[in-house]
Amino acid sequence: MTIDQQQAFAARMTEQRRSGHTTVHHVIAGQEYFEGELLQREDPSNPSSVVSACHDAPDALVKLAVQASRDAQREWSRVPAPRRIEHVRRAIPFIEERLEEWAVRVALEIGKPYAGARAEGAEVLEILRQYADYASAPGAFEDQRNEDPSGLANESVLRPYGVFGVITPFNYPIVQAAGPAIAALIAGNGVVVKTSHDGPWSGHAVYELCDAMGLPRGLVNVVHGGDSPGRALVASDIDGICFTGSVAVGKSILGDFASGPYPRPVIAEMGGKNPVIVTDTADLEQAADGIVFSAFDLSGQKCSALSRVLVTPSAHDKLVELVGERVRDLKAGDPVDAGVFAGPVVSAEAVDRYAGLLATARGEEFHVETGKAQDGGYFVPATVVSGVPATHRLATKEHFLPFLTISKVPTFEAALAAANNTEMGLTAGIYTGDEAEAREFLDRVEAGCVDVNVPGHATTGWWPGPQTFGGWKASGTTGKQTLGKWYFQLFGRQQARKLPAHLQHLLQH
C-alpha cells in the first residue's frame, strides 16, 4: 500500500462519514422491501455515529424470499452449466470497478484498515474466476458415460438441490456471502443471503454483484437483520444452508437439518482454536513475525487467527521476549490513520469480553504485554499473555479477540498433543529447524489448514488459487474446502441415469 492509496482511502472514508449513513433494503424478486424493525450499525471507530442501517426481516418476508428463489430456480436449473458460468463471469468488470467503494463500506462497518478492506473485493474477484474455471473443466458436472453389456446408456450427473440459504458473519461480510453464492449459482441453485447486522451495507454488495450477472429475476434474494431472520431461514423449507459462525450455532443448524423428513446439506465453517508450535530449533525471529501477524490482524477476529502458542523450553524465554517487543509497537485505531495495525473490535460487548480476559490474566499473575489503542472507539490493544498452562481456559477457549497465550510445554510431543486437544481443527502452524518434527506435524496435526515455517503467517494467509481453506472436526462439516475445485460441487447432488441406447441423445452433452 502506497501513501497515496492510504490518503485517497482516508479521504473517501471521511467523505462518506460526512454524507450520512446508508439504509439498505431487502430485495425479493427485484422488489425493495423496508419491513421490520430498523437496526442501526454504529461506527465501531466512533460509536456515537451511525454508518449504516437495515430492517430486521420478519419471518413472512424470509419465507417469501425462499419461495421467490425457488420459482426462479426452476428456470435456472434448465440452463446448461456453460451458460450459467457465462452469467456468473459477467460480474467480473462490475467487481473490478467497485473495489475501492467496497473497501470503504467494510472499513466503516467492520473497522478494517485499507489493505484488509480492499482485500474483501479482491478475494471475491479471485473466487469468482477460480470457481468459474474449476466448473469449466471437463468432467466437472458429469462422470463418464458408457454403454453397458445390456445395451443401456449410462451417465452420472451433478444436479442442483434447489435453494440455498447463506448466513454470513461480520468479519468478512462480502467474501463469506459471495463465495457460497457464486458456487451455489454455478451448480444451478437459487440463493437467499442473510447478511450480518454488523455489516449489512457490505453484505448487500453480494446482491449487487449477482444482479450484474443478468440472472432470472428472483433467483438471488437478500434479507437483512439480526438473529431472527437467520432462524427463520433455517426453519423454512430451504434445500440447504451455508453457514459461517460459531460451533454452537453450527451444531444447532446441523441438528435442525437432520431432524426433518429427510437430511438436508449444511455447509458450515465454525471457527477454530488455532495453535502454533515453536520448537527449540526454530528461527525465533521468523516465528515471532508470523505469530504477531496471525494473532492480531483484524484484531484477532478471524476464524483462522492464531490464539495459542505452544513452545518448548529452550525457545520459550527468547520467543516471549521477541513477541512482546513486536506487540508493544502495534496500534489499534481508526482505519483512516495510516499508523494503525488493526482497527476496532466489532462491538461494546467484545470490548467487555476483552476486559474480562485481561482481568483474569492479571488476577492469576500471568505475564501480560499489550500494544497501544486509540480512545473513542471499540479499540483494544493487541495482548499477549505468557506463563499460561496449556490446559488453562484462557488457552483453550476461542475468544475471537486480539488475545494470545504462550504456554511452555516440555517436548515437541507434548506440544502436538496439546495442539490436537480441542474439538476444533481449522488452522495450525509450526516453526522448527528439524525436518523430522515438521514431517511428524504434517502427519499428525488435526487441522484442515497447516503452515510449516511460513514467513509472516503462522496460521493465516489463505487465498483462492494457491490454497484451499476449511476445517476438520467441529471446524467444518463437509471435508471439502472453500477456494478449491471441489467446493462448488458441494452445492449439487449426483444423479445416476440409465436408459435404452436409442434414447442416449437425451443424456447430458
Protein backbone atom coordinates (compact mmCIF):
# COMPACT_ATOMS: atom_id res chain seq x y z
CA MET A 1 0.00 0.00 0.00
CA THR A 2 1.37 3.39 -1.00
CA ILE A 3 0.98 6.69 0.85
CA ASP A 4 -1.22 7.96 -1.99
CA GLN A 5 -3.54 4.94 -1.72
CA GLN A 6 -3.90 5.40 2.05
CA GLN A 7 -4.59 9.11 1.66
CA ALA A 8 -7.20 8.52 -1.04
CA PHE A 9 -8.83 5.85 1.11
CA ALA A 10 -8.89 8.14 4.16
CA ALA A 11 -10.46 10.90 2.06
CA ARG A 12 -13.21 8.58 0.83
CA MET A 13 -13.85 7.41 4.40
CA THR A 14 -14.10 10.99 5.64
CA GLU A 15 -16.41 12.00 2.80
CA GLN A 16 -18.73 9.05 3.45
CA ARG A 17 -18.89 9.81 7.15
CA ARG A 18 -19.89 13.40 6.38
CA SER A 19 -22.54 12.39 3.84
CA GLY A 20 -24.59 10.32 6.28
CA HIS A 21 -25.37 6.65 6.56
CA THR A 22 -26.97 4.25 4.07
CA THR A 23 -30.09 2.23 4.90
CA VAL A 24 -30.13 -0.96 2.84
CA HIS A 25 -33.31 -2.70 1.81
CA HIS A 26 -34.34 -6.31 1.47
CA VAL A 27 -34.64 -7.39 -2.17
CA ILE A 28 -37.03 -10.15 -3.23
CA ALA A 29 -37.75 -10.86 -6.90
CA GLY A 30 -36.29 -7.46 -7.75
CA GLN A 31 -38.63 -5.58 -5.41
CA GLU A 32 -37.36 -3.50 -2.49
CA TYR A 33 -38.77 -4.02 0.99
CA PHE A 34 -38.23 -2.00 4.17
CA GLU A 35 -40.23 -4.21 6.52
CA GLY A 36 -39.18 -4.92 10.09
CA GLU A 37 -37.64 -3.01 12.97
CA LEU A 38 -34.91 -0.56 11.98
CA LEU A 39 -31.45 -1.67 13.13
CA GLN A 40 -28.65 0.89 13.08
CA ARG A 41 -24.98 -0.04 12.82
CA GLU A 42 -22.74 2.26 14.79
CA ASP A 43 -19.28 3.14 13.51
CA PRO A 44 -17.03 0.86 15.61
CA SER A 45 -14.32 3.51 15.37
CA ASN A 46 -16.73 6.21 16.57
CA PRO A 47 -19.77 4.58 18.20
CA SER A 48 -21.68 7.85 18.55
CA SER A 49 -22.07 7.89 14.76
CA VAL A 50 -24.24 5.60 12.60
CA VAL A 51 -22.63 4.23 9.41
CA SER A 52 -25.42 2.01 8.06
CA ALA A 53 -28.85 0.64 8.83
CA CYS A 54 -31.16 -2.17 7.81
CA HIS A 55 -34.51 -3.63 8.80
CA ASP A 56 -34.94 -6.85 10.77
CA ALA A 57 -36.70 -9.07 8.22
CA PRO A 58 -39.96 -10.61 9.51
CA ASP A 59 -40.41 -14.38 9.17
CA ALA A 60 -43.00 -13.96 6.42
CA LEU A 61 -40.57 -11.95 4.32
CA VAL A 62 -37.89 -14.62 4.69
CA LYS A 63 -40.35 -17.26 3.52
CA LEU A 64 -41.29 -15.05 0.57
CA ALA A 65 -37.61 -14.77 -0.37
CA VAL A 66 -37.21 -18.55 -0.33
CA GLN A 67 -40.33 -19.05 -2.47
CA ALA A 68 -39.26 -16.41 -4.99
CA SER A 69 -35.87 -18.07 -5.33
CA ARG A 70 -37.49 -21.47 -5.72
CA ASP A 71 -39.75 -20.21 -8.52
CA ALA A 72 -36.79 -18.73 -10.40
CA GLN A 73 -34.56 -21.74 -9.78
CA ARG A 74 -36.78 -24.00 -11.84
CA GLU A 75 -35.80 -21.97 -14.89
CA TRP A 76 -32.15 -21.65 -13.81
CA SER A 77 -31.72 -25.40 -13.32
CA ARG A 78 -32.50 -25.94 -17.00
CA VAL A 79 -29.79 -23.53 -18.12
CA PRO A 80 -26.73 -25.54 -19.28
CA ALA A 81 -23.72 -25.24 -16.99
CA PRO A 82 -21.55 -23.36 -19.56
CA ARG A 83 -24.22 -20.66 -19.83
CA ARG A 84 -24.57 -20.45 -16.06
CA ILE A 85 -20.83 -19.93 -15.81
CA GLU A 86 -21.02 -17.27 -18.52
CA HIS A 87 -23.66 -15.40 -16.49
CA VAL A 88 -21.53 -15.54 -13.35
CA ARG A 89 -18.47 -14.22 -15.19
CA ARG A 90 -20.43 -11.13 -16.24
CA ALA A 91 -19.88 -9.78 -12.73
CA ILE A 92 -16.09 -9.54 -13.15
CA PRO A 93 -15.97 -5.96 -14.53
CA PHE A 94 -18.65 -4.91 -12.04
CA ILE A 95 -16.45 -6.07 -9.14
CA GLU A 96 -13.30 -4.54 -10.62
CA GLU A 97 -14.99 -1.14 -10.74
CA ARG A 98 -16.10 -1.30 -7.10
CA LEU A 99 -13.04 -2.48 -5.18
CA GLU A 100 -12.41 0.95 -3.65
CA GLU A 101 -16.09 1.61 -2.90
CA TRP A 102 -16.50 -1.75 -1.17
CA ALA A 103 -13.32 -1.13 0.83
CA VAL A 104 -14.93 1.98 2.31
CA ARG A 105 -18.06 0.04 3.27
CA VAL A 106 -16.06 -2.66 5.02
CA ALA A 107 -13.77 -0.16 6.75
CA LEU A 108 -16.72 1.83 8.08
CA GLU A 109 -18.86 -1.08 9.24
CA ILE A 110 -16.19 -3.53 10.38
CA GLY A 111 -13.22 -1.24 11.02
CA LYS A 112 -10.70 -2.90 8.71
CA PRO A 113 -7.67 -0.87 7.62
CA TYR A 114 -7.27 -0.30 3.91
CA ALA A 115 -5.32 -3.44 2.97
CA GLY A 116 -7.80 -5.79 4.62
CA ALA A 117 -10.85 -3.84 3.50
CA ARG A 118 -9.80 -3.79 -0.13
CA ALA A 119 -8.92 -7.48 0.04
CA GLU A 120 -12.63 -8.24 0.51
CA GLY A 121 -13.45 -7.31 -3.06
CA ALA A 122 -10.17 -8.62 -4.44
CA GLU A 123 -10.82 -12.03 -2.92
CA VAL A 124 -14.38 -12.12 -4.28
CA LEU A 125 -12.97 -11.37 -7.73
CA GLU A 126 -10.43 -14.18 -7.45
CA ILE A 127 -13.03 -16.61 -6.06
CA LEU A 128 -15.35 -15.93 -8.98
CA ARG A 129 -12.60 -16.52 -11.51
CA GLN A 130 -11.37 -19.67 -9.79
CA TYR A 131 -14.80 -21.26 -9.31
CA ALA A 132 -15.78 -20.48 -12.89
CA ASP A 133 -12.56 -22.06 -14.15
CA TYR A 134 -12.99 -25.15 -11.95
CA ALA A 135 -16.55 -25.60 -13.16
CA SER A 136 -15.47 -25.24 -16.78
CA ALA A 137 -13.05 -28.18 -16.56
CA PRO A 138 -14.02 -31.44 -18.32
CA GLY A 139 -15.99 -33.72 -16.03
CA ALA A 140 -16.88 -31.01 -13.51
CA PHE A 141 -20.60 -31.77 -13.82
CA GLU A 142 -20.68 -35.32 -15.13
CA ASP A 143 -18.97 -38.65 -14.69
CA GLN A 144 -18.01 -40.94 -17.54
CA ARG A 145 -20.80 -42.09 -19.82
CA ASN A 146 -20.69 -45.55 -21.41
CA GLU A 147 -22.84 -48.35 -22.74
CA ASP A 148 -23.17 -51.40 -20.53
CA PRO A 149 -23.33 -55.04 -21.83
CA SER A 150 -27.13 -54.99 -21.87
CA GLY A 151 -27.13 -52.15 -24.37
CA LEU A 152 -28.20 -49.46 -21.94
CA ALA A 153 -26.66 -45.99 -21.89
CA ASN A 154 -25.46 -44.57 -18.56
CA GLU A 155 -24.26 -41.31 -17.07
CA SER A 156 -23.81 -39.74 -13.66
CA VAL A 157 -24.50 -36.01 -13.45
CA LEU A 158 -24.37 -33.31 -10.81
CA ARG A 159 -27.78 -31.73 -10.23
CA PRO A 160 -28.70 -28.76 -8.01
CA TYR A 161 -30.51 -29.15 -4.71
CA GLY A 162 -32.84 -26.19 -5.22
CA VAL A 163 -32.37 -23.14 -2.99
CA PHE A 164 -29.50 -22.49 -0.58
CA GLY A 165 -29.55 -20.06 2.30
CA VAL A 166 -26.31 -18.24 3.04
CA ILE A 167 -25.86 -16.92 6.60
CA THR A 168 -22.82 -14.71 6.95
CA PRO A 169 -20.55 -13.49 9.78
CA PHE A 170 -19.50 -9.90 10.45
CA ASN A 171 -15.75 -10.27 9.94
CA TYR A 172 -15.83 -10.96 6.18
CA PRO A 173 -19.23 -9.55 5.25
CA ILE A 174 -18.72 -9.64 1.48
CA VAL A 175 -16.43 -12.62 0.94
CA GLN A 176 -18.28 -15.06 3.19
CA ALA A 177 -21.55 -14.34 1.39
CA ALA A 178 -20.21 -14.03 -2.15
CA GLY A 179 -18.17 -17.25 -2.21
CA PRO A 180 -21.06 -19.59 -1.35
CA ALA A 181 -23.49 -17.62 -3.51
CA ILE A 182 -21.22 -17.90 -6.56
CA ALA A 183 -20.68 -21.62 -6.02
CA ALA A 184 -24.38 -22.28 -5.49
CA LEU A 185 -25.32 -20.39 -8.65
CA ILE A 186 -22.75 -22.23 -10.77
CA ALA A 187 -24.20 -25.52 -9.51
CA GLY A 188 -27.68 -24.44 -10.59
CA ASN A 189 -29.27 -23.34 -7.31
CA GLY A 190 -31.14 -20.28 -6.17
CA VAL A 191 -29.79 -18.27 -3.23
CA VAL A 192 -31.17 -16.34 -0.27
CA VAL A 193 -28.50 -14.30 1.50
CA LYS A 194 -28.98 -13.23 5.11
CA THR A 195 -26.35 -10.58 5.86
CA SER A 196 -24.75 -9.75 9.20
CA HIS A 197 -26.49 -6.91 11.06
CA ASP A 198 -22.99 -5.58 11.82
CA GLY A 199 -22.24 -5.25 8.10
CA PRO A 200 -25.50 -5.01 6.11
CA TRP A 201 -24.24 -2.40 3.64
CA SER A 202 -21.17 -4.52 2.91
CA GLY A 203 -23.24 -7.71 2.67
CA HIS A 204 -25.65 -6.02 0.28
CA ALA A 205 -22.78 -5.82 -2.20
CA VAL A 206 -23.32 -9.53 -2.84
CA TYR A 207 -26.82 -8.90 -4.14
CA GLU A 208 -25.44 -6.09 -6.31
CA LEU A 209 -22.79 -8.30 -7.91
CA CYS A 210 -25.35 -11.08 -8.50
CA ASP A 211 -27.68 -8.54 -10.09
CA ALA A 212 -24.87 -7.69 -12.52
CA MET A 213 -24.87 -11.31 -13.72
CA GLY A 214 -28.18 -10.98 -15.56
CA LEU A 215 -29.82 -13.84 -13.66
CA PRO A 216 -33.51 -14.76 -13.71
CA ARG A 217 -35.50 -12.36 -11.55
CA GLY A 218 -35.81 -13.62 -8.00
CA LEU A 219 -33.06 -16.25 -8.26
CA VAL A 220 -30.95 -14.36 -5.71
CA ASN A 221 -32.64 -12.50 -2.88
CA VAL A 222 -31.23 -10.74 0.16
CA VAL A 223 -32.69 -10.18 3.61
CA HIS A 224 -31.11 -8.26 6.46
CA GLY A 225 -31.40 -8.21 10.21
CA GLY A 226 -30.29 -9.83 13.45
CA ASP A 227 -30.64 -13.41 14.60
CA SER A 228 -34.36 -13.75 13.89
CA PRO A 229 -34.17 -13.79 10.06
CA GLY A 230 -31.38 -16.36 10.27
CA ARG A 231 -33.52 -18.62 12.43
CA ALA A 232 -36.44 -18.14 10.04
CA LEU A 233 -34.25 -19.11 7.10
CA VAL A 234 -33.14 -22.30 8.88
CA ALA A 235 -36.77 -23.08 9.80
CA SER A 236 -38.03 -22.58 6.23
CA ASP A 237 -38.25 -25.24 3.53
CA ILE A 238 -34.85 -24.20 2.18
CA ASP A 239 -32.94 -27.05 0.49
CA GLY A 240 -29.55 -26.35 2.08
CA ILE A 241 -27.69 -23.89 4.27
CA CYS A 242 -24.19 -22.45 4.05
CA PHE A 243 -23.22 -21.06 7.43
CA THR A 244 -20.12 -19.38 8.84
CA GLY A 245 -20.04 -18.74 12.57
CA SER A 246 -19.76 -20.34 15.97
CA VAL A 247 -19.58 -24.04 16.72
CA ALA A 248 -22.69 -23.82 18.91
CA VAL A 249 -24.88 -22.26 16.23
CA GLY A 250 -23.49 -24.53 13.52
CA LYS A 251 -24.28 -27.64 15.55
CA SER A 252 -27.78 -26.34 16.18
CA ILE A 253 -28.36 -25.92 12.44
CA LEU A 254 -26.99 -29.40 11.79
CA GLY A 255 -29.45 -30.81 14.32
CA ASP A 256 -32.37 -28.97 12.79
CA PHE A 257 -31.47 -30.10 9.29
CA ALA A 258 -31.10 -33.73 10.36
CA SER A 259 -34.42 -33.87 12.22
CA GLY A 260 -36.82 -33.09 9.38
CA PRO A 261 -38.42 -35.54 6.96
CA TYR A 262 -35.00 -36.06 5.37
CA PRO A 263 -31.48 -34.70 5.97
CA ARG A 264 -30.51 -31.56 4.11
CA PRO A 265 -26.96 -30.34 3.46
CA VAL A 266 -25.26 -27.94 5.85
CA ILE A 267 -22.03 -26.48 4.51
CA ALA A 268 -20.52 -24.92 7.61
CA GLU A 269 -17.25 -23.41 8.76
CA MET A 270 -17.38 -22.96 12.51
CA GLY A 271 -14.27 -21.34 13.87
CA GLY A 272 -11.10 -22.59 15.46
CA LYS A 273 -8.76 -22.53 18.43
CA ASN A 274 -5.67 -22.30 16.32
CA PRO A 275 -2.21 -23.24 17.66
CA VAL A 276 1.34 -22.73 16.53
CA ILE A 277 4.14 -24.93 17.83
CA VAL A 278 7.60 -23.40 18.22
CA THR A 279 10.44 -25.81 18.96
CA ASP A 280 13.99 -25.31 20.19
CA THR A 281 15.42 -25.45 16.67
CA ALA A 282 13.13 -22.77 15.21
CA ASP A 283 14.18 -19.45 13.70
CA LEU A 284 12.66 -17.40 16.53
CA GLU A 285 12.71 -14.06 14.69
CA GLN A 286 10.74 -15.62 11.86
CA ALA A 287 8.41 -17.29 14.34
CA ALA A 288 7.75 -14.04 16.21
CA ASP A 289 6.90 -12.22 12.98
CA GLY A 290 4.44 -14.91 11.91
CA ILE A 291 2.88 -15.18 15.36
CA VAL A 292 2.22 -11.46 15.74
CA PHE A 293 0.63 -11.02 12.33
CA SER A 294 -1.56 -14.11 12.53
CA ALA A 295 -2.70 -13.34 16.07
CA PHE A 296 -3.51 -9.64 15.71
CA ASP A 297 -4.51 -8.93 12.11
CA LEU A 298 -8.18 -7.88 12.11
CA SER A 299 -7.84 -7.60 15.90
CA GLY A 300 -7.91 -11.38 16.18
CA GLN A 301 -11.43 -11.53 14.75
CA LYS A 302 -10.67 -14.20 12.17
CA CYS A 303 -11.64 -17.85 12.43
CA SER A 304 -8.11 -18.66 11.23
CA ALA A 305 -6.39 -16.34 13.72
CA LEU A 306 -3.63 -17.71 15.90
CA SER A 307 -4.66 -17.67 19.55
CA ARG A 308 -2.24 -20.01 21.36
CA VAL A 309 1.50 -20.66 21.13
CA LEU A 310 2.97 -23.92 22.39
CA VAL A 311 6.73 -23.55 22.80
CA THR A 312 9.40 -25.95 24.02
CA PRO A 313 11.65 -24.92 26.95
CA SER A 314 14.88 -23.71 25.35
CA ALA A 315 12.98 -21.44 22.93
CA HIS A 316 10.42 -20.14 25.43
CA ASP A 317 12.05 -17.13 27.09
CA LYS A 318 13.53 -15.66 23.91
CA LEU A 319 10.28 -16.13 21.99
CA VAL A 320 8.29 -14.39 24.74
CA GLU A 321 10.76 -11.51 24.57
CA LEU A 322 10.58 -11.20 20.77
CA VAL A 323 6.79 -11.40 20.61
CA GLY A 324 6.48 -8.85 23.43
CA GLU A 325 8.76 -6.40 21.61
CA ARG A 326 6.63 -6.59 18.50
CA VAL A 327 3.31 -6.37 20.32
CA ARG A 328 4.30 -3.20 22.14
CA ASP A 329 4.69 -1.47 18.76
CA LEU A 330 1.22 -2.42 17.47
CA LYS A 331 -1.54 0.19 17.47
CA ALA A 332 -5.30 -0.33 17.19
CA GLY A 333 -7.21 2.63 15.83
CA ASP A 334 -9.37 4.25 13.18
CA PRO A 335 -8.63 2.89 9.67
CA VAL A 336 -8.16 6.44 8.37
CA ASP A 337 -4.94 6.59 10.41
CA ALA A 338 -2.02 5.23 8.40
CA GLY A 339 -0.20 4.26 11.57
CA VAL A 340 -2.66 1.65 12.82
CA PHE A 341 -2.03 -2.06 12.52
CA ALA A 342 -5.62 -3.12 13.24
CA GLY A 343 -8.98 -1.47 13.67
CA PRO A 344 -11.62 -1.79 16.36
CA VAL A 345 -13.31 -4.90 17.62
CA VAL A 346 -16.88 -5.35 16.50
CA SER A 347 -18.91 -4.14 19.48
CA ALA A 348 -19.05 -2.87 23.04
CA GLU A 349 -19.79 -6.44 24.10
CA ALA A 350 -16.47 -7.54 22.57
CA VAL A 351 -14.68 -4.77 24.49
CA ASP A 352 -16.26 -6.05 27.70
CA ARG A 353 -15.20 -9.63 26.96
CA TYR A 354 -11.66 -8.45 26.38
CA ALA A 355 -11.67 -6.59 29.70
CA GLY A 356 -12.79 -9.78 31.45
CA LEU A 357 -9.97 -11.82 29.88
CA LEU A 358 -7.39 -9.21 30.81
CA ALA A 359 -8.65 -9.12 34.39
CA THR A 360 -8.39 -12.90 34.61
CA ALA A 361 -4.84 -12.91 33.23
CA ARG A 362 -3.69 -10.23 35.65
CA GLY A 363 -5.61 -11.71 38.54
CA GLU A 364 -3.80 -15.02 38.09
CA GLU A 365 -0.49 -13.14 37.80
CA PHE A 366 0.39 -14.25 34.30
CA HIS A 367 2.81 -12.03 32.38
CA VAL A 368 0.92 -9.55 30.18
CA GLU A 369 2.23 -7.39 27.32
CA THR A 370 -0.01 -5.05 25.35
CA GLY A 371 0.18 -2.76 22.40
CA LYS A 372 -1.47 0.63 22.02
CA ALA A 373 -5.10 1.59 21.40
CA GLN A 374 -6.75 4.87 20.47
CA ASP A 375 -9.53 6.31 22.59
CA GLY A 376 -13.10 6.85 21.47
CA GLY A 377 -13.94 3.65 19.63
CA TYR A 378 -14.12 -0.08 20.26
CA PHE A 379 -10.34 -0.21 20.32
CA VAL A 380 -8.49 -2.77 22.43
CA PRO A 381 -4.74 -3.33 22.34
CA ALA A 382 -3.05 -6.42 21.00
CA THR A 383 -2.36 -8.54 24.08
CA VAL A 384 -0.03 -11.46 24.70
CA VAL A 385 -0.18 -13.42 27.95
CA SER A 386 2.66 -15.80 28.80
CA GLY A 387 3.11 -18.26 31.62
CA VAL A 388 -0.32 -19.73 30.90
CA PRO A 389 -0.66 -23.52 31.28
CA ALA A 390 -1.64 -25.15 28.01
CA THR A 391 -4.80 -26.52 29.64
CA HIS A 392 -5.97 -23.20 31.12
CA ARG A 393 -9.28 -21.84 29.86
CA LEU A 394 -7.51 -18.74 28.52
CA ALA A 395 -5.52 -21.07 26.26
CA THR A 396 -8.30 -23.46 25.26
CA LYS A 397 -11.41 -21.36 24.58
CA GLU A 398 -11.98 -19.41 21.37
CA HIS A 399 -12.16 -15.70 22.24
CA PHE A 400 -12.25 -14.00 18.80
CA LEU A 401 -10.24 -11.08 20.15
CA PRO A 402 -6.64 -9.77 19.93
CA PHE A 403 -5.67 -12.01 22.83
CA LEU A 404 -2.80 -14.51 22.53
CA THR A 405 -1.48 -17.01 25.07
CA ILE A 406 2.00 -18.50 25.17
CA SER A 407 2.41 -21.81 27.00
CA LYS A 408 5.65 -23.64 27.78
CA VAL A 409 5.45 -27.38 27.05
CA PRO A 410 8.16 -29.95 27.88
CA THR A 411 8.58 -31.57 24.45
CA PHE A 412 7.51 -31.44 20.83
CA GLU A 413 5.32 -34.47 21.51
CA ALA A 414 3.58 -32.64 24.34
CA ALA A 415 3.07 -29.61 22.10
CA LEU A 416 1.48 -31.73 19.37
CA ALA A 417 -0.81 -33.43 21.87
CA ALA A 418 -1.90 -30.06 23.27
CA ALA A 419 -2.47 -28.68 19.75
CA ASN A 420 -4.84 -31.54 18.97
CA ASN A 421 -6.60 -31.45 22.35
CA THR A 422 -9.55 -29.37 21.16
CA GLU A 423 -12.86 -30.05 19.46
CA MET A 424 -11.91 -27.64 16.68
CA GLY A 425 -9.38 -28.11 13.89
CA LEU A 426 -9.22 -25.20 11.47
CA THR A 427 -5.64 -23.90 11.18
CA ALA A 428 -2.32 -24.77 12.81
CA GLY A 429 1.33 -23.96 12.30
CA ILE A 430 4.82 -24.91 13.33
CA TYR A 431 8.24 -23.24 13.35
CA THR A 432 11.07 -25.74 13.59
CA GLY A 433 14.52 -26.41 12.17
CA ASP A 434 14.04 -30.16 12.48
CA GLU A 435 12.62 -31.82 9.36
CA ALA A 436 11.56 -34.88 11.34
CA GLU A 437 9.41 -32.65 13.58
CA ALA A 438 7.95 -30.92 10.54
CA ARG A 439 7.07 -34.26 8.96
CA GLU A 440 5.52 -35.55 12.18
CA PHE A 441 3.50 -32.36 12.49
CA LEU A 442 2.13 -32.73 8.97
CA ASP A 443 1.27 -36.38 9.58
CA ARG A 444 -0.44 -35.96 12.93
CA VAL A 445 -1.83 -32.45 13.40
CA GLU A 446 -5.64 -32.38 13.32
CA ALA A 447 -6.41 -29.27 11.29
CA GLY A 448 -7.60 -28.52 7.79
CA CYS A 449 -5.05 -25.78 7.01
CA VAL A 450 -1.45 -26.09 8.18
CA ASP A 451 1.70 -23.97 7.83
CA VAL A 452 5.32 -25.04 8.26
CA ASN A 453 7.91 -22.26 8.71
CA VAL A 454 5.85 -19.80 6.67
CA PRO A 455 7.31 -16.27 6.82
CA GLY A 456 4.82 -13.70 8.05
CA HIS A 457 1.93 -16.10 8.61
CA ALA A 458 1.82 -18.63 11.43
CA THR A 459 -1.76 -19.82 10.77
CA THR A 460 -3.35 -17.34 8.36
CA GLY A 461 -2.91 -16.10 4.81
CA TRP A 462 -5.10 -18.46 2.78
CA TRP A 463 -6.05 -17.21 -0.68
CA PRO A 464 -8.03 -18.60 -3.63
CA GLY A 465 -5.88 -20.17 -6.29
CA PRO A 466 -2.78 -21.21 -4.32
CA GLN A 467 -4.64 -22.62 -1.32
CA THR A 468 -7.94 -24.05 -0.20
CA PHE A 469 -9.48 -23.25 3.18
CA GLY A 470 -11.54 -25.30 5.62
CA GLY A 471 -11.53 -27.14 8.91
CA TRP A 472 -11.65 -30.58 10.48
CA LYS A 473 -13.62 -31.80 13.49
CA ALA A 474 -16.00 -29.10 14.80
CA SER A 475 -14.50 -26.50 12.47
CA GLY A 476 -16.21 -27.87 9.36
CA THR A 477 -18.95 -30.21 8.18
CA THR A 478 -18.04 -31.47 4.73
CA GLY A 479 -14.39 -32.47 4.44
CA LYS A 480 -14.21 -30.31 1.30
CA GLN A 481 -12.83 -26.79 1.46
CA THR A 482 -13.66 -23.37 0.11
CA LEU A 483 -11.40 -21.81 -2.51
CA GLY A 484 -10.86 -25.24 -4.10
CA LYS A 485 -12.02 -27.13 -7.16
CA TRP A 486 -14.45 -29.39 -5.27
CA TYR A 487 -16.25 -26.66 -3.33
CA PHE A 488 -18.93 -25.75 -5.87
CA GLN A 489 -19.76 -29.47 -6.18
CA LEU A 490 -20.97 -29.43 -2.56
CA PHE A 491 -23.96 -27.46 -3.83
CA GLY A 492 -25.03 -30.31 -6.10
CA ARG A 493 -26.04 -33.96 -5.75
CA GLN A 494 -25.30 -36.80 -8.12
CA GLN A 495 -27.93 -38.48 -10.21
CA ALA A 496 -27.13 -41.75 -11.99
CA ARG A 497 -29.13 -42.16 -15.20
CA LYS A 498 -29.77 -45.31 -17.21
CA LEU A 499 -31.89 -45.65 -20.34
CA PRO A 500 -32.03 -47.60 -23.64
CA ALA A 501 -29.21 -46.84 -26.01
CA HIS A 502 -31.58 -45.48 -28.67
CA LEU A 503 -32.52 -42.69 -26.20
CA GLN A 504 -29.00 -41.76 -25.25
CA HIS A 505 -29.41 -38.44 -27.08
CA LEU A 506 -31.43 -37.36 -24.02
CA LEU A 507 -28.35 -37.53 -21.82
CA GLN A 508 -26.10 -34.56 -20.96
CA HIS A 509 -23.76 -33.21 -23.58
